[in-house]
Amino acid sequence: MNFPENLTYTKEHEWLRVEGNTAILGITDFAQGELGDVIYLDIPTGKVAKAGESIGSVEAVKTVSDIYTPVSGTVIEVNSGLNDAPETVNKDPYGAGWLVKIDMSNPAEAKSNTMGVAEYKALIGQ
């Protein structure tokens, strides 16, 4: 399993990469493995969310799971490449399989609501 050092992670199994005031969010390699084959994503653009809230869902063969944001802000972009190829989340969860970009209203939440690789690995028993 892959856990890039340049990302932070949530207890709900999302990853976060911050670029300026923009947070890029996806689900972890662990999460996509647990979900199974991703077949559909439901994430609205323009949604204003608070940290800890669901911003949409990911549907897999096995189940439907909410996607939670660790940061407050507005969803400014949804990865449109996933509309025709949702399986990209399984194949490349940290690259082409990213889910959304969020314009953060409180950038400090990115640090306070996520954990580093070692802490995340401990959480999932790695």
N, C-alpha and C. Protein backbone atom coordinates (compact mmCIF):
# COMPACT_ATOMS: atom_id res chain seq x y z
N MET A 1 0.84 -1.18 0.00
CA MET A 1 0.00 0.00 0.00
C MET A 1 0.89 1.24 0.00
N ASN A 2 0.42 2.24 -0.69
CA ASN A 2 1.18 3.46 -0.89
C ASN A 2 0.64 4.58 0.01
N PHE A 3 1.56 5.32 0.67
CA PHE A 3 1.19 6.45 1.52
C PHE A 3 2.17 7.60 1.27
N PRO A 4 1.91 8.45 0.28
CA PRO A 4 2.83 9.55 -0.02
C PRO A 4 3.07 10.44 1.20
N GLU A 5 4.33 10.78 1.40
CA GLU A 5 4.74 11.61 2.54
C GLU A 5 4.28 13.06 2.41
N ASN A 6 4.02 13.51 1.18
CA ASN A 6 3.67 14.92 0.98
C ASN A 6 2.19 15.21 1.21
N LEU A 7 1.45 14.19 1.64
CA LEU A 7 0.02 14.34 1.91
C LEU A 7 -0.26 14.20 3.40
N THR A 8 -1.43 14.67 3.81
CA THR A 8 -1.91 14.38 5.16
C THR A 8 -3.19 13.56 5.01
N TYR A 9 -3.62 12.94 6.11
CA TYR A 9 -4.67 11.94 6.05
C TYR A 9 -5.70 12.18 7.15
N THR A 10 -6.92 11.65 6.92
CA THR A 10 -7.98 11.77 7.92
C THR A 10 -8.36 10.40 8.45
N LYS A 11 -9.04 10.41 9.58
CA LYS A 11 -9.49 9.14 10.16
C LYS A 11 -10.60 8.52 9.32
N GLU A 12 -11.21 9.29 8.43
CA GLU A 12 -12.24 8.78 7.52
C GLU A 12 -11.63 8.26 6.22
N HIS A 13 -10.29 8.26 6.12
CA HIS A 13 -9.54 7.69 5.00
C HIS A 13 -9.52 8.55 3.75
N GLU A 14 -9.55 9.87 3.94
CA GLU A 14 -9.30 10.78 2.84
C GLU A 14 -7.86 11.29 2.96
N TRP A 15 -7.32 11.74 1.84
CA TRP A 15 -6.02 12.40 1.87
C TRP A 15 -6.21 13.84 1.43
N LEU A 16 -5.25 14.70 1.82
CA LEU A 16 -5.33 16.12 1.54
C LEU A 16 -3.97 16.63 1.11
N ARG A 17 -3.97 17.41 0.04
CA ARG A 17 -2.76 18.13 -0.38
C ARG A 17 -3.13 19.60 -0.51
N VAL A 18 -2.35 20.46 0.12
CA VAL A 18 -2.64 21.90 0.12
C VAL A 18 -1.71 22.60 -0.87
N GLU A 19 -2.31 23.39 -1.74
CA GLU A 19 -1.58 24.22 -2.69
C GLU A 19 -2.11 25.64 -2.56
N GLY A 20 -1.38 26.47 -1.81
CA GLY A 20 -1.86 27.82 -1.54
C GLY A 20 -3.09 27.77 -0.67
N ASN A 21 -4.20 28.34 -1.15
CA ASN A 21 -5.46 28.32 -0.39
C ASN A 21 -6.39 27.21 -0.88
N THR A 22 -5.87 26.36 -1.76
CA THR A 22 -6.67 25.28 -2.32
C THR A 22 -6.27 23.94 -1.71
N ALA A 23 -7.26 23.18 -1.29
CA ALA A 23 -7.03 21.83 -0.78
C ALA A 23 -7.52 20.85 -1.84
N ILE A 24 -6.66 19.90 -2.18
CA ILE A 24 -7.04 18.84 -3.11
C ILE A 24 -7.30 17.60 -2.25
N LEU A 25 -8.45 16.97 -2.46
CA LEU A 25 -8.92 15.89 -1.61
C LEU A 25 -9.16 14.64 -2.44
N GLY A 26 -8.80 13.50 -1.86
CA GLY A 26 -9.08 12.21 -2.49
C GLY A 26 -9.25 11.16 -1.41
N ILE A 27 -9.47 9.92 -1.83
CA ILE A 27 -9.54 8.83 -0.85
C ILE A 27 -8.24 8.05 -0.92
N THR A 28 -7.87 7.47 0.20
CA THR A 28 -6.58 6.79 0.31
C THR A 28 -6.58 5.45 -0.43
N ASP A 29 -5.38 4.95 -0.65
CA ASP A 29 -5.20 3.63 -1.24
C ASP A 29 -5.91 2.57 -0.39
N PHE A 30 -5.81 2.71 0.93
CA PHE A 30 -6.50 1.80 1.84
C PHE A 30 -8.01 1.85 1.61
N ALA A 31 -8.57 3.06 1.52
CA ALA A 31 -10.02 3.23 1.36
C ALA A 31 -10.50 2.63 0.05
N GLN A 32 -9.78 2.89 -1.03
CA GLN A 32 -10.25 2.36 -2.31
C GLN A 32 -10.19 0.83 -2.32
N GLY A 33 -9.21 0.27 -1.62
CA GLY A 33 -9.11 -1.18 -1.51
C GLY A 33 -10.26 -1.78 -0.72
N GLU A 34 -10.66 -1.08 0.34
CA GLU A 34 -11.78 -1.54 1.16
C GLU A 34 -13.11 -1.41 0.42
N LEU A 35 -13.26 -0.35 -0.37
CA LEU A 35 -14.50 -0.12 -1.10
C LEU A 35 -14.68 -1.12 -2.24
N GLY A 36 -13.61 -1.45 -2.91
CA GLY A 36 -13.70 -2.27 -4.12
C GLY A 36 -13.81 -1.37 -5.33
N ASP A 37 -14.26 -1.93 -6.42
CA ASP A 37 -14.31 -1.19 -7.69
C ASP A 37 -15.26 0.00 -7.60
N VAL A 38 -14.70 1.21 -7.77
CA VAL A 38 -15.51 2.43 -7.76
C VAL A 38 -16.25 2.53 -9.09
N ILE A 39 -17.56 2.77 -9.01
CA ILE A 39 -18.37 2.84 -10.23
C ILE A 39 -19.06 4.19 -10.43
N TYR A 40 -19.12 5.02 -9.39
CA TYR A 40 -19.82 6.30 -9.53
C TYR A 40 -19.43 7.23 -8.39
N LEU A 41 -19.34 8.52 -8.70
CA LEU A 41 -19.08 9.54 -7.69
C LEU A 41 -20.16 10.60 -7.77
N ASP A 42 -20.64 11.04 -6.62
CA ASP A 42 -21.65 12.08 -6.56
C ASP A 42 -21.13 13.20 -5.66
N ILE A 43 -20.54 14.22 -6.32
CA ILE A 43 -19.97 15.35 -5.59
C ILE A 43 -20.37 16.62 -6.33
N PRO A 44 -21.16 17.48 -5.71
CA PRO A 44 -21.57 18.69 -6.40
C PRO A 44 -20.52 19.80 -6.34
N THR A 45 -20.31 20.48 -7.45
CA THR A 45 -19.46 21.68 -7.49
C THR A 45 -20.23 22.82 -6.85
N GLY A 46 -19.52 23.69 -6.16
CA GLY A 46 -20.14 24.85 -5.54
C GLY A 46 -20.65 24.61 -4.14
N LYS A 47 -20.59 23.37 -3.68
CA LYS A 47 -21.05 23.06 -2.33
C LYS A 47 -20.17 23.77 -1.31
N VAL A 48 -20.79 24.40 -0.34
CA VAL A 48 -20.06 25.02 0.77
C VAL A 48 -20.15 24.05 1.94
N ALA A 49 -19.00 23.65 2.45
CA ALA A 49 -18.98 22.64 3.50
C ALA A 49 -18.17 23.10 4.69
N LYS A 50 -18.53 22.54 5.84
CA LYS A 50 -17.75 22.74 7.06
C LYS A 50 -16.88 21.52 7.27
N ALA A 51 -15.75 21.72 7.90
CA ALA A 51 -14.86 20.61 8.21
C ALA A 51 -15.62 19.51 8.93
N GLY A 52 -15.41 18.26 8.51
CA GLY A 52 -16.07 17.12 9.12
C GLY A 52 -17.37 16.73 8.46
N GLU A 53 -17.88 17.56 7.54
CA GLU A 53 -19.14 17.27 6.86
C GLU A 53 -18.93 16.44 5.60
N SER A 54 -19.95 15.73 5.21
CA SER A 54 -19.93 15.00 3.94
C SER A 54 -20.09 16.00 2.80
N ILE A 55 -19.27 15.81 1.75
CA ILE A 55 -19.39 16.67 0.58
C ILE A 55 -19.92 15.89 -0.63
N GLY A 56 -20.19 14.62 -0.43
CA GLY A 56 -20.69 13.79 -1.51
C GLY A 56 -20.49 12.33 -1.16
N SER A 57 -20.57 11.50 -2.19
CA SER A 57 -20.42 10.07 -1.94
C SER A 57 -19.68 9.39 -3.08
N VAL A 58 -19.13 8.25 -2.75
CA VAL A 58 -18.49 7.39 -3.72
C VAL A 58 -19.22 6.05 -3.68
N GLU A 59 -19.62 5.59 -4.87
CA GLU A 59 -20.33 4.33 -4.96
C GLU A 59 -19.40 3.28 -5.54
N ALA A 60 -19.32 2.16 -4.86
CA ALA A 60 -18.52 1.03 -5.32
C ALA A 60 -19.43 -0.18 -5.47
N VAL A 61 -18.88 -1.23 -6.03
CA VAL A 61 -19.66 -2.45 -6.22
C VAL A 61 -20.21 -2.94 -4.88
N LYS A 62 -19.39 -2.82 -3.81
CA LYS A 62 -19.77 -3.34 -2.50
C LYS A 62 -20.68 -2.43 -1.70
N THR A 63 -20.51 -1.10 -1.84
CA THR A 63 -21.16 -0.17 -0.91
C THR A 63 -21.16 1.25 -1.45
N VAL A 64 -21.86 2.13 -0.75
CA VAL A 64 -21.80 3.58 -0.98
C VAL A 64 -21.23 4.19 0.28
N SER A 65 -20.28 5.10 0.12
CA SER A 65 -19.63 5.70 1.27
C SER A 65 -19.57 7.21 1.12
N ASP A 66 -19.80 7.93 2.22
CA ASP A 66 -19.69 9.38 2.20
C ASP A 66 -18.23 9.79 2.09
N ILE A 67 -18.03 10.97 1.50
CA ILE A 67 -16.72 11.59 1.42
C ILE A 67 -16.78 12.80 2.35
N TYR A 68 -15.85 12.84 3.30
CA TYR A 68 -15.83 13.92 4.28
C TYR A 68 -14.66 14.85 4.01
N THR A 69 -14.87 16.12 4.24
CA THR A 69 -13.80 17.09 4.08
C THR A 69 -13.23 17.47 5.44
N PRO A 70 -11.90 17.50 5.57
CA PRO A 70 -11.30 17.94 6.83
C PRO A 70 -11.18 19.47 6.91
N VAL A 71 -11.54 20.16 5.81
CA VAL A 71 -11.43 21.62 5.78
C VAL A 71 -12.76 22.24 5.37
N SER A 72 -13.00 23.44 5.87
CA SER A 72 -14.18 24.20 5.48
C SER A 72 -13.87 24.98 4.21
N GLY A 73 -14.91 25.19 3.41
CA GLY A 73 -14.72 25.96 2.19
C GLY A 73 -15.71 25.58 1.12
N THR A 74 -15.42 26.03 -0.09
CA THR A 74 -16.30 25.81 -1.23
C THR A 74 -15.64 24.85 -2.21
N VAL A 75 -16.40 23.86 -2.65
CA VAL A 75 -15.90 22.94 -3.68
C VAL A 75 -15.85 23.73 -4.99
N ILE A 76 -14.62 23.98 -5.48
CA ILE A 76 -14.47 24.79 -6.68
C ILE A 76 -14.24 23.95 -7.93
N GLU A 77 -13.87 22.69 -7.75
CA GLU A 77 -13.68 21.82 -8.90
C GLU A 77 -13.88 20.37 -8.48
N VAL A 78 -14.58 19.63 -9.32
CA VAL A 78 -14.73 18.19 -9.17
C VAL A 78 -13.97 17.57 -10.33
N ASN A 79 -13.24 16.52 -10.08
CA ASN A 79 -12.44 15.86 -11.11
C ASN A 79 -13.36 15.28 -12.18
N SER A 80 -13.54 16.01 -13.27
CA SER A 80 -14.46 15.60 -14.33
C SER A 80 -13.98 14.35 -15.06
N GLY A 81 -12.70 14.04 -14.98
CA GLY A 81 -12.18 12.84 -15.61
C GLY A 81 -12.75 11.57 -15.00
N LEU A 82 -13.28 11.68 -13.79
CA LEU A 82 -13.84 10.50 -13.13
C LEU A 82 -15.26 10.18 -13.60
N ASN A 83 -15.90 11.11 -14.31
CA ASN A 83 -17.25 10.84 -14.82
C ASN A 83 -17.25 9.64 -15.76
N ASP A 84 -16.29 9.61 -16.67
CA ASP A 84 -16.21 8.52 -17.65
C ASP A 84 -15.32 7.38 -17.18
N ALA A 85 -14.49 7.63 -16.17
CA ALA A 85 -13.55 6.61 -15.72
C ALA A 85 -13.42 6.61 -14.19
N PRO A 86 -14.52 6.28 -13.47
CA PRO A 86 -14.45 6.30 -12.00
C PRO A 86 -13.44 5.31 -11.44
N GLU A 87 -13.10 4.28 -12.20
CA GLU A 87 -12.12 3.30 -11.76
C GLU A 87 -10.72 3.90 -11.58
N THR A 88 -10.52 5.12 -12.07
CA THR A 88 -9.24 5.81 -11.86
C THR A 88 -8.96 5.98 -10.37
N VAL A 89 -10.01 6.10 -9.57
CA VAL A 89 -9.84 6.21 -8.11
C VAL A 89 -9.14 4.95 -7.58
N ASN A 90 -9.45 3.79 -8.14
CA ASN A 90 -8.81 2.55 -7.73
C ASN A 90 -7.39 2.44 -8.26
N LYS A 91 -7.19 2.85 -9.50
CA LYS A 91 -5.90 2.68 -10.16
C LYS A 91 -4.85 3.70 -9.71
N ASP A 92 -5.27 4.94 -9.44
CA ASP A 92 -4.32 6.01 -9.12
C ASP A 92 -4.94 6.97 -8.09
N PRO A 93 -5.18 6.48 -6.85
CA PRO A 93 -5.90 7.30 -5.88
C PRO A 93 -5.22 8.60 -5.50
N TYR A 94 -3.88 8.67 -5.61
CA TYR A 94 -3.16 9.88 -5.21
C TYR A 94 -2.79 10.78 -6.38
N GLY A 95 -3.09 10.35 -7.58
CA GLY A 95 -2.76 11.13 -8.76
C GLY A 95 -4.02 11.52 -9.51
N ALA A 96 -4.23 10.87 -10.66
CA ALA A 96 -5.38 11.17 -11.52
C ALA A 96 -6.72 10.88 -10.86
N GLY A 97 -6.71 10.13 -9.75
CA GLY A 97 -7.94 9.79 -9.05
C GLY A 97 -8.36 10.76 -7.96
N TRP A 98 -7.76 11.95 -7.92
CA TRP A 98 -8.19 12.94 -6.93
C TRP A 98 -9.68 13.24 -7.15
N LEU A 99 -10.36 13.71 -6.10
CA LEU A 99 -11.80 13.92 -6.18
C LEU A 99 -12.21 15.37 -6.37
N VAL A 100 -11.77 16.25 -5.46
CA VAL A 100 -12.22 17.64 -5.49
C VAL A 100 -11.12 18.60 -5.11
N LYS A 101 -11.34 19.85 -5.51
CA LYS A 101 -10.51 20.97 -5.05
C LYS A 101 -11.43 21.88 -4.26
N ILE A 102 -10.95 22.30 -3.09
CA ILE A 102 -11.74 23.13 -2.18
C ILE A 102 -11.01 24.43 -1.91
N ASP A 103 -11.70 25.54 -2.10
CA ASP A 103 -11.17 26.84 -1.71
C ASP A 103 -11.42 26.97 -0.21
N MET A 104 -10.34 26.88 0.57
CA MET A 104 -10.46 26.82 2.03
C MET A 104 -10.83 28.17 2.63
N SER A 105 -11.78 28.16 3.54
CA SER A 105 -12.15 29.37 4.26
C SER A 105 -11.34 29.51 5.55
N ASN A 106 -10.74 28.40 6.02
CA ASN A 106 -9.91 28.41 7.23
C ASN A 106 -8.74 27.45 7.02
N PRO A 107 -7.67 27.90 6.35
CA PRO A 107 -6.56 27.02 6.01
C PRO A 107 -5.90 26.32 7.21
N ALA A 108 -6.03 26.86 8.40
CA ALA A 108 -5.45 26.22 9.59
C ALA A 108 -6.05 24.84 9.84
N GLU A 109 -7.28 24.62 9.38
CA GLU A 109 -7.93 23.32 9.57
C GLU A 109 -7.18 22.20 8.85
N ALA A 110 -6.47 22.53 7.78
CA ALA A 110 -5.74 21.51 7.03
C ALA A 110 -4.73 20.79 7.92
N LYS A 111 -4.12 21.51 8.82
CA LYS A 111 -3.16 20.90 9.76
C LYS A 111 -3.85 20.30 10.97
N SER A 112 -4.81 21.01 11.52
CA SER A 112 -5.41 20.56 12.77
C SER A 112 -6.35 19.37 12.60
N ASN A 113 -6.88 19.15 11.40
CA ASN A 113 -7.86 18.08 11.20
C ASN A 113 -7.32 16.89 10.41
N THR A 114 -6.01 16.84 10.22
CA THR A 114 -5.41 15.71 9.50
C THR A 114 -4.21 15.20 10.28
N MET A 115 -3.67 14.07 9.80
CA MET A 115 -2.51 13.46 10.46
C MET A 115 -1.45 13.10 9.41
N GLY A 116 -0.25 12.86 9.89
CA GLY A 116 0.83 12.46 9.01
C GLY A 116 0.77 10.99 8.68
N VAL A 117 1.71 10.55 7.85
CA VAL A 117 1.76 9.16 7.38
C VAL A 117 1.87 8.16 8.52
N ALA A 118 2.79 8.40 9.46
CA ALA A 118 3.01 7.44 10.55
C ALA A 118 1.74 7.25 11.38
N GLU A 119 1.07 8.35 11.69
CA GLU A 119 -0.16 8.27 12.48
C GLU A 119 -1.27 7.56 11.70
N TYR A 120 -1.36 7.83 10.40
CA TYR A 120 -2.38 7.17 9.59
C TYR A 120 -2.11 5.67 9.48
N LYS A 121 -0.85 5.32 9.28
CA LYS A 121 -0.51 3.89 9.20
C LYS A 121 -0.86 3.17 10.50
N ALA A 122 -0.62 3.83 11.62
CA ALA A 122 -0.99 3.24 12.92
C ALA A 122 -2.49 3.06 13.02
N LEU A 123 -3.25 4.03 12.51
CA LEU A 123 -4.71 3.97 12.54
C LEU A 123 -5.24 2.74 11.81
N ILE A 124 -4.62 2.43 10.67
CA ILE A 124 -5.12 1.30 9.86
C ILE A 124 -4.36 0.00 10.12
N GLY A 125 -3.45 0.04 11.10
CA GLY A 125 -2.73 -1.17 11.48
C GLY A 125 -1.63 -1.58 10.53
N GLN A 126 -0.98 -0.61 9.92
CA GLN A 126 0.13 -0.90 9.00
C GLN A 126 1.47 -0.72 9.68
